[in-house]
Amino acid sequence: VMWWWFFSSSSFYGDFNLCDTINGEDREYYINMYQHLPTTPLAVYKLIQGKRYFYVLYNKQGKKIWHSPYYAYESDHLITDFVLPTKNSNSFKYYDEEWKTVDITNQIN
């Protein structure tokens, strides 16, 4: 289990595996879509299935606010299944087989 944690394919990200960026409507937050790297047998299997992406939410200063779960491997259609927070709402919503809501108040204060 420790090996999987330290070498999770979503632990490594940057410009080298950035695929897309979506800005919130008031541009206070944005979400980046990154491609998983083939660092584990599970990652290779998921990449072959076409589930190649994970997501990271940032504020406009570039501070990381939220990271999709390390075990999450998503298709590219999920990039449209987000409701990004705004100045007036600290609620971040995403779809992962059902709509989930994350209160980001603690991450931004």
N, C-alpha and C. Protein backbone atom coordinates (compact mmCIF):
# COMPACT_ATOMS: atom_id res chain seq x y z
N VAL A 1 0.83 -1.19 0.00
CA VAL A 1 0.00 0.00 0.00
C VAL A 1 0.87 1.25 0.00
N MET A 2 1.95 1.26 0.76
CA MET A 2 2.82 2.44 0.81
C MET A 2 3.44 2.73 -0.55
N TRP A 3 3.81 1.68 -1.28
CA TRP A 3 4.40 1.88 -2.61
C TRP A 3 3.40 2.59 -3.51
N TRP A 4 2.12 2.15 -3.46
CA TRP A 4 1.10 2.77 -4.27
C TRP A 4 0.91 4.23 -3.89
N TRP A 5 0.96 4.54 -2.59
CA TRP A 5 0.77 5.91 -2.12
C TRP A 5 1.87 6.82 -2.63
N PHE A 6 3.12 6.38 -2.49
CA PHE A 6 4.23 7.24 -2.87
C PHE A 6 4.41 7.36 -4.37
N PHE A 7 3.95 6.40 -5.12
CA PHE A 7 4.13 6.42 -6.57
C PHE A 7 2.80 6.50 -7.31
N SER A 8 1.78 7.02 -6.65
CA SER A 8 0.50 7.20 -7.31
C SER A 8 0.71 8.03 -8.57
N SER A 9 0.06 7.61 -9.63
CA SER A 9 0.27 8.29 -10.91
C SER A 9 -0.27 9.71 -10.92
N SER A 10 -1.06 10.08 -9.92
CA SER A 10 -1.53 11.47 -9.85
C SER A 10 -0.72 12.30 -8.85
N SER A 11 0.36 11.73 -8.34
CA SER A 11 1.24 12.48 -7.43
C SER A 11 2.16 13.42 -8.19
N PHE A 12 2.38 13.13 -9.46
CA PHE A 12 3.31 13.91 -10.27
C PHE A 12 2.53 14.68 -11.32
N TYR A 13 2.60 15.99 -11.26
CA TYR A 13 1.90 16.78 -12.26
C TYR A 13 2.55 18.14 -12.41
N GLY A 14 2.35 18.69 -13.59
CA GLY A 14 2.90 19.99 -13.94
C GLY A 14 2.62 20.27 -15.39
N ASP A 15 3.35 21.19 -15.98
CA ASP A 15 3.14 21.52 -17.39
C ASP A 15 3.35 20.32 -18.30
N PHE A 16 4.18 19.36 -17.89
CA PHE A 16 4.51 18.21 -18.73
C PHE A 16 3.32 17.26 -18.94
N ASN A 17 2.32 17.26 -18.06
CA ASN A 17 1.16 16.40 -18.28
C ASN A 17 -0.17 17.16 -18.17
N LEU A 18 -0.11 18.49 -18.29
CA LEU A 18 -1.31 19.33 -18.29
C LEU A 18 -2.03 19.17 -19.63
N CYS A 19 -3.33 18.88 -19.57
CA CYS A 19 -4.12 18.68 -20.79
C CYS A 19 -5.10 19.80 -21.07
N ASP A 20 -5.69 20.38 -20.02
CA ASP A 20 -6.71 21.41 -20.23
C ASP A 20 -6.88 22.23 -18.95
N THR A 21 -7.38 23.45 -19.11
CA THR A 21 -7.69 24.33 -17.98
C THR A 21 -9.06 24.93 -18.21
N ILE A 22 -9.88 24.91 -17.17
CA ILE A 22 -11.21 25.52 -17.22
C ILE A 22 -11.26 26.59 -16.13
N ASN A 23 -11.62 27.81 -16.51
CA ASN A 23 -11.75 28.92 -15.56
C ASN A 23 -13.18 29.02 -15.06
N GLY A 24 -13.33 29.39 -13.78
CA GLY A 24 -14.65 29.66 -13.22
C GLY A 24 -15.23 30.90 -13.85
N GLU A 25 -16.53 31.09 -13.69
CA GLU A 25 -17.19 32.21 -14.37
C GLU A 25 -16.68 33.56 -13.90
N ASP A 26 -16.26 33.70 -12.65
CA ASP A 26 -15.70 34.99 -12.20
C ASP A 26 -14.17 34.95 -12.13
N ARG A 27 -13.57 33.87 -12.61
CA ARG A 27 -12.11 33.69 -12.72
C ARG A 27 -11.40 33.71 -11.37
N GLU A 28 -12.13 33.46 -10.29
CA GLU A 28 -11.52 33.36 -8.96
C GLU A 28 -10.83 32.00 -8.78
N TYR A 29 -11.34 30.99 -9.49
CA TYR A 29 -10.81 29.63 -9.40
C TYR A 29 -10.70 29.05 -10.80
N TYR A 30 -9.80 28.09 -10.94
CA TYR A 30 -9.70 27.34 -12.18
C TYR A 30 -9.33 25.90 -11.85
N ILE A 31 -9.66 25.03 -12.78
CA ILE A 31 -9.35 23.61 -12.58
C ILE A 31 -8.50 23.13 -13.75
N ASN A 32 -7.43 22.42 -13.43
CA ASN A 32 -6.56 21.84 -14.44
C ASN A 32 -6.84 20.36 -14.57
N MET A 33 -6.83 19.89 -15.80
CA MET A 33 -6.96 18.47 -16.09
C MET A 33 -5.57 17.96 -16.47
N TYR A 34 -5.09 16.98 -15.73
CA TYR A 34 -3.77 16.39 -15.96
C TYR A 34 -3.94 14.94 -16.39
N GLN A 35 -2.97 14.45 -17.18
CA GLN A 35 -2.98 13.05 -17.58
C GLN A 35 -2.15 12.24 -16.59
N HIS A 36 -2.72 11.10 -16.15
CA HIS A 36 -1.99 10.18 -15.28
C HIS A 36 -0.72 9.71 -15.99
N LEU A 37 0.29 9.42 -15.22
CA LEU A 37 1.52 8.84 -15.75
C LEU A 37 1.50 7.33 -15.49
N PRO A 38 2.13 6.53 -16.34
CA PRO A 38 2.12 5.07 -16.17
C PRO A 38 3.12 4.61 -15.12
N THR A 39 2.90 5.00 -13.86
CA THR A 39 3.86 4.70 -12.79
C THR A 39 3.54 3.43 -12.02
N THR A 40 2.33 2.89 -12.20
CA THR A 40 1.94 1.66 -11.49
C THR A 40 1.19 0.75 -12.46
N PRO A 41 1.09 -0.53 -12.15
CA PRO A 41 0.29 -1.41 -13.00
C PRO A 41 -1.17 -0.95 -13.12
N LEU A 42 -1.74 -0.45 -12.02
CA LEU A 42 -3.11 0.06 -12.08
C LEU A 42 -3.21 1.24 -13.05
N ALA A 43 -2.25 2.13 -13.01
CA ALA A 43 -2.27 3.29 -13.91
C ALA A 43 -2.21 2.85 -15.36
N VAL A 44 -1.36 1.89 -15.67
CA VAL A 44 -1.25 1.39 -17.05
C VAL A 44 -2.59 0.80 -17.48
N TYR A 45 -3.19 0.00 -16.62
CA TYR A 45 -4.49 -0.61 -16.93
C TYR A 45 -5.55 0.46 -17.18
N LYS A 46 -5.63 1.46 -16.33
CA LYS A 46 -6.63 2.53 -16.49
C LYS A 46 -6.36 3.36 -17.74
N LEU A 47 -5.10 3.61 -18.05
CA LEU A 47 -4.76 4.35 -19.27
C LEU A 47 -5.24 3.59 -20.50
N ILE A 48 -5.06 2.27 -20.51
CA ILE A 48 -5.52 1.46 -21.63
C ILE A 48 -7.04 1.52 -21.75
N GLN A 49 -7.75 1.59 -20.63
CA GLN A 49 -9.21 1.71 -20.63
C GLN A 49 -9.69 3.09 -21.09
N GLY A 50 -8.80 4.05 -21.20
CA GLY A 50 -9.19 5.40 -21.59
C GLY A 50 -9.48 6.31 -20.42
N LYS A 51 -9.28 5.82 -19.22
CA LYS A 51 -9.48 6.65 -18.03
C LYS A 51 -8.12 7.22 -17.64
N ARG A 52 -7.81 8.37 -18.21
CA ARG A 52 -6.44 8.87 -18.11
C ARG A 52 -6.26 10.16 -17.34
N TYR A 53 -7.30 10.73 -16.76
CA TYR A 53 -7.18 12.08 -16.22
C TYR A 53 -7.48 12.18 -14.72
N PHE A 54 -6.90 13.22 -14.12
CA PHE A 54 -7.25 13.63 -12.76
C PHE A 54 -7.26 15.15 -12.75
N TYR A 55 -7.81 15.74 -11.69
CA TYR A 55 -8.08 17.17 -11.67
C TYR A 55 -7.55 17.82 -10.41
N VAL A 56 -7.12 19.09 -10.57
CA VAL A 56 -6.64 19.88 -9.44
C VAL A 56 -7.28 21.26 -9.54
N LEU A 57 -7.88 21.70 -8.43
CA LEU A 57 -8.53 23.01 -8.35
C LEU A 57 -7.56 24.00 -7.72
N TYR A 58 -7.45 25.19 -8.32
CA TYR A 58 -6.57 26.25 -7.83
C TYR A 58 -7.36 27.54 -7.65
N ASN A 59 -6.86 28.43 -6.77
CA ASN A 59 -7.43 29.78 -6.74
C ASN A 59 -6.67 30.62 -7.77
N LYS A 60 -7.09 31.87 -7.97
CA LYS A 60 -6.48 32.67 -9.03
C LYS A 60 -5.02 33.01 -8.77
N GLN A 61 -4.55 32.85 -7.53
CA GLN A 61 -3.14 33.06 -7.21
C GLN A 61 -2.30 31.81 -7.49
N GLY A 62 -2.94 30.72 -7.87
CA GLY A 62 -2.24 29.48 -8.17
C GLY A 62 -2.06 28.54 -7.00
N LYS A 63 -2.71 28.83 -5.87
CA LYS A 63 -2.63 27.95 -4.70
C LYS A 63 -3.54 26.74 -4.92
N LYS A 64 -2.99 25.54 -4.68
CA LYS A 64 -3.79 24.32 -4.82
C LYS A 64 -4.83 24.26 -3.71
N ILE A 65 -6.10 24.08 -4.09
CA ILE A 65 -7.22 24.05 -3.16
C ILE A 65 -7.73 22.62 -2.98
N TRP A 66 -7.79 21.87 -4.07
CA TRP A 66 -8.37 20.52 -4.03
C TRP A 66 -7.70 19.67 -5.09
N HIS A 67 -7.55 18.40 -4.80
CA HIS A 67 -6.98 17.42 -5.73
C HIS A 67 -7.96 16.26 -5.78
N SER A 68 -8.26 15.77 -6.98
CA SER A 68 -9.16 14.61 -7.05
C SER A 68 -8.53 13.45 -6.28
N PRO A 69 -9.33 12.54 -5.78
CA PRO A 69 -8.77 11.43 -5.00
C PRO A 69 -7.68 10.70 -5.78
N TYR A 70 -6.66 10.23 -5.08
CA TYR A 70 -5.52 9.60 -5.74
C TYR A 70 -5.90 8.32 -6.46
N TYR A 71 -6.99 7.71 -6.10
CA TYR A 71 -7.44 6.49 -6.77
C TYR A 71 -8.38 6.80 -7.94
N ALA A 72 -8.67 8.07 -8.21
CA ALA A 72 -9.62 8.44 -9.26
C ALA A 72 -8.94 8.49 -10.62
N TYR A 73 -9.52 7.82 -11.57
CA TYR A 73 -9.08 7.84 -12.97
C TYR A 73 -10.31 8.19 -13.78
N GLU A 74 -10.29 9.33 -14.45
CA GLU A 74 -11.49 9.83 -15.11
C GLU A 74 -11.31 9.93 -16.62
N SER A 75 -12.45 9.88 -17.33
CA SER A 75 -12.46 10.12 -18.76
C SER A 75 -12.45 11.62 -18.99
N ASP A 76 -12.20 12.03 -20.23
CA ASP A 76 -12.12 13.47 -20.51
C ASP A 76 -13.47 14.16 -20.47
N HIS A 77 -14.59 13.42 -20.51
CA HIS A 77 -15.90 14.06 -20.46
C HIS A 77 -16.16 14.75 -19.13
N LEU A 78 -15.45 14.37 -18.09
CA LEU A 78 -15.71 14.91 -16.75
C LEU A 78 -15.35 16.39 -16.64
N ILE A 79 -14.53 16.90 -17.54
CA ILE A 79 -14.10 18.30 -17.44
C ILE A 79 -15.31 19.25 -17.50
N THR A 80 -16.41 18.80 -18.05
CA THR A 80 -17.61 19.65 -18.09
C THR A 80 -18.52 19.41 -16.89
N ASP A 81 -18.21 18.42 -16.08
CA ASP A 81 -19.06 18.06 -14.95
C ASP A 81 -18.59 18.67 -13.64
N PHE A 82 -18.35 19.99 -13.66
CA PHE A 82 -17.89 20.71 -12.49
C PHE A 82 -18.73 21.96 -12.30
N VAL A 83 -18.91 22.36 -11.06
CA VAL A 83 -19.43 23.68 -10.72
C VAL A 83 -18.35 24.29 -9.84
N LEU A 84 -17.61 25.23 -10.41
CA LEU A 84 -16.48 25.81 -9.69
C LEU A 84 -16.94 26.85 -8.68
N PRO A 85 -16.19 27.00 -7.59
CA PRO A 85 -16.55 28.02 -6.60
C PRO A 85 -16.41 29.43 -7.18
N THR A 86 -17.00 30.39 -6.49
CA THR A 86 -16.90 31.80 -6.88
C THR A 86 -16.58 32.62 -5.64
N LYS A 87 -16.47 33.94 -5.81
CA LYS A 87 -16.26 34.82 -4.65
C LYS A 87 -17.38 34.66 -3.62
N ASN A 88 -18.58 34.39 -4.12
CA ASN A 88 -19.76 34.31 -3.25
C ASN A 88 -20.09 32.91 -2.76
N SER A 89 -19.39 31.91 -3.25
CA SER A 89 -19.72 30.53 -2.88
C SER A 89 -18.44 29.72 -2.70
N ASN A 90 -18.29 29.10 -1.55
CA ASN A 90 -17.13 28.24 -1.28
C ASN A 90 -17.46 26.78 -1.56
N SER A 91 -18.42 26.55 -2.40
CA SER A 91 -18.87 25.21 -2.71
C SER A 91 -18.33 24.79 -4.08
N PHE A 92 -17.67 23.65 -4.11
CA PHE A 92 -17.15 23.07 -5.34
C PHE A 92 -17.90 21.77 -5.58
N LYS A 93 -18.49 21.62 -6.75
CA LYS A 93 -19.26 20.41 -7.05
C LYS A 93 -18.66 19.70 -8.25
N TYR A 94 -18.65 18.38 -8.17
CA TYR A 94 -18.18 17.59 -9.30
C TYR A 94 -18.97 16.30 -9.37
N TYR A 95 -18.96 15.70 -10.55
CA TYR A 95 -19.72 14.48 -10.76
C TYR A 95 -18.76 13.30 -10.83
N ASP A 96 -19.01 12.30 -9.96
CA ASP A 96 -18.23 11.07 -9.94
C ASP A 96 -19.21 9.94 -9.65
N GLU A 97 -19.95 9.54 -10.66
CA GLU A 97 -21.05 8.58 -10.58
C GLU A 97 -22.25 9.16 -9.84
N GLU A 98 -22.06 10.24 -9.14
CA GLU A 98 -23.13 11.03 -8.53
C GLU A 98 -22.52 12.40 -8.22
N TRP A 99 -23.37 13.41 -8.05
CA TRP A 99 -22.86 14.74 -7.74
C TRP A 99 -22.33 14.76 -6.31
N LYS A 100 -21.12 15.29 -6.16
CA LYS A 100 -20.51 15.43 -4.84
C LYS A 100 -20.18 16.90 -4.62
N THR A 101 -20.31 17.35 -3.39
CA THR A 101 -20.02 18.74 -3.05
C THR A 101 -18.88 18.77 -2.05
N VAL A 102 -17.92 19.66 -2.30
CA VAL A 102 -16.79 19.84 -1.41
C VAL A 102 -16.85 21.27 -0.89
N ASP A 103 -16.87 21.45 0.42
CA ASP A 103 -16.81 22.78 1.01
C ASP A 103 -15.34 23.14 1.14
N ILE A 104 -14.89 24.15 0.42
CA ILE A 104 -13.47 24.50 0.39
C ILE A 104 -13.12 25.63 1.36
N THR A 105 -14.03 25.97 2.26
CA THR A 105 -13.80 27.08 3.19
C THR A 105 -12.49 26.91 3.95
N ASN A 106 -12.22 25.74 4.48
CA ASN A 106 -10.99 25.51 5.25
C ASN A 106 -9.73 25.63 4.40
N GLN A 107 -9.81 25.30 3.12
CA GLN A 107 -8.64 25.37 2.25
C GLN A 107 -8.30 26.79 1.81
N ILE A 108 -9.27 27.69 1.86
CA ILE A 108 -9.01 29.05 1.38
C ILE A 108 -8.74 30.03 2.50
N ASN A 109 -8.96 29.64 3.73
CA ASN A 109 -8.72 30.54 4.87
C ASN A 109 -7.43 30.20 5.58
